[in-house]
Amino acid sequence: MTADLQYLAGSTVLTFVMLLSASLIRARGWTVGGTLLAMRNRDDLPEHTPLSARADRAGKNMLEGLAMFTAALIVARLAAAAAPTAIGAATAPALA
């Protein structure tokens, strides 16, 4: 696996952890009642605390960043597949 795909996989795992932690912080998932609240219909959630609001915003921000990073990675991969000699020629003098 190349480095860019490792970064994408790591970012995906981090995004999942951030969204999960934001959900569990808001529902107080470390308690029995909070775990039950987190697993059922989420229509009657408690109000955000400052910590849960910040975790929610950070998770959503990471999700938006992941979408842009994935798109940029796909474009870079397709550009490299379309013209591998041009990219290799552009970096070869810098290595010498």
Protein backbone atom coordinates (compact mmCIF):
# COMPACT_ATOMS: atom_id res chain seq x y z
CA MET A 1 0.00 0.00 0.00
CA THR A 2 1.40 3.37 -0.95
CA ALA A 3 1.81 6.22 1.50
CA ASP A 4 -1.13 8.20 0.15
CA LEU A 5 -3.47 5.23 0.58
CA GLN A 6 -2.14 4.70 4.10
CA TYR A 7 -2.96 8.34 4.86
CA LEU A 8 -6.45 7.86 3.44
CA ALA A 9 -7.01 4.71 5.51
CA GLY A 10 -5.74 6.43 8.65
CA SER A 11 -7.92 9.46 8.02
CA THR A 12 -10.94 7.22 7.53
CA VAL A 13 -10.34 5.46 10.84
CA LEU A 14 -9.78 8.79 12.59
CA THR A 15 -13.01 10.17 11.12
CA PHE A 16 -14.96 7.16 12.37
CA VAL A 17 -13.46 7.50 15.86
CA MET A 18 -14.22 11.22 15.97
CA LEU A 19 -17.85 10.77 14.90
CA LEU A 20 -18.34 7.86 17.30
CA SER A 21 -16.83 9.75 20.21
CA ALA A 22 -18.98 12.82 19.48
CA SER A 23 -22.07 10.63 19.50
CA LEU A 24 -21.10 8.86 22.72
CA ILE A 25 -20.20 12.09 24.49
CA ARG A 26 -23.57 13.63 23.67
CA ALA A 27 -25.53 10.51 24.67
CA ARG A 28 -23.25 9.83 27.67
CA GLY A 29 -22.53 6.39 26.28
CA TRP A 30 -20.35 5.39 29.24
CA THR A 31 -23.51 4.96 31.34
CA VAL A 32 -26.13 2.23 30.89
CA GLY A 33 -28.85 4.76 30.11
CA GLY A 34 -26.58 6.60 27.70
CA THR A 35 -25.70 3.39 25.87
CA LEU A 36 -29.38 2.59 25.47
CA LEU A 37 -30.03 6.14 24.28
CA ALA A 38 -27.21 5.89 21.75
CA MET A 39 -28.57 2.63 20.32
CA ARG A 40 -32.19 3.65 19.83
CA ASN A 41 -34.04 6.34 17.94
CA ARG A 42 -32.15 9.60 18.31
CA ASP A 43 -35.12 11.95 18.28
CA ASP A 44 -34.97 12.82 21.98
CA LEU A 45 -31.28 13.47 22.60
CA PRO A 46 -30.21 15.78 25.41
CA GLU A 47 -28.97 19.26 24.60
CA HIS A 48 -25.34 19.67 23.61
CA THR A 49 -22.83 20.37 26.32
CA PRO A 50 -19.88 22.54 25.30
CA LEU A 51 -17.70 19.42 25.01
CA SER A 52 -20.22 17.43 22.96
CA ALA A 53 -20.87 20.42 20.68
CA ARG A 54 -17.15 20.81 20.05
CA ALA A 55 -16.71 17.08 19.41
CA ASP A 56 -19.65 17.13 17.00
CA ARG A 57 -18.25 20.10 15.06
CA ALA A 58 -14.79 18.51 14.92
CA GLY A 59 -16.21 15.23 13.63
CA LYS A 60 -18.27 16.96 10.93
CA ASN A 61 -15.27 19.07 9.94
CA MET A 62 -13.13 15.95 9.63
CA LEU A 63 -15.81 14.31 7.47
CA GLU A 64 -15.81 17.30 5.11
CA GLY A 65 -12.02 17.26 4.99
CA LEU A 66 -12.01 13.54 4.27
CA ALA A 67 -14.28 14.05 1.27
CA MET A 68 -11.97 16.73 -0.15
CA PHE A 69 -8.85 14.66 0.58
CA THR A 70 -10.36 11.62 -1.14
CA ALA A 71 -11.25 13.67 -4.21
CA ALA A 72 -7.76 15.20 -4.36
CA LEU A 73 -6.19 11.77 -3.99
CA ILE A 74 -8.29 10.33 -6.81
CA VAL A 75 -7.41 13.24 -9.10
CA ALA A 76 -3.71 12.87 -8.31
CA ARG A 77 -3.85 9.12 -8.92
CA LEU A 78 -5.65 9.55 -12.24
CA ALA A 79 -3.23 12.26 -13.35
CA ALA A 80 -0.30 10.01 -12.53
CA ALA A 81 -1.87 7.11 -14.44
CA ALA A 82 -2.55 9.31 -17.47
CA ALA A 83 0.98 10.74 -17.80
CA PRO A 84 3.52 8.76 -15.79
CA THR A 85 6.51 9.91 -17.87
CA ALA A 86 5.68 13.59 -17.46
CA ILE A 87 5.54 13.27 -13.69
CA GLY A 88 8.72 11.20 -13.58
CA ALA A 89 10.52 13.66 -15.85
CA ALA A 90 9.45 16.59 -13.71
CA THR A 91 10.84 15.08 -10.52
CA ALA A 92 14.01 13.48 -11.95
CA PRO A 93 16.14 16.66 -12.11
CA ALA A 94 15.23 17.50 -8.53
CA LEU A 95 16.64 14.18 -7.36
CA ALA A 96 19.99 14.61 -9.15
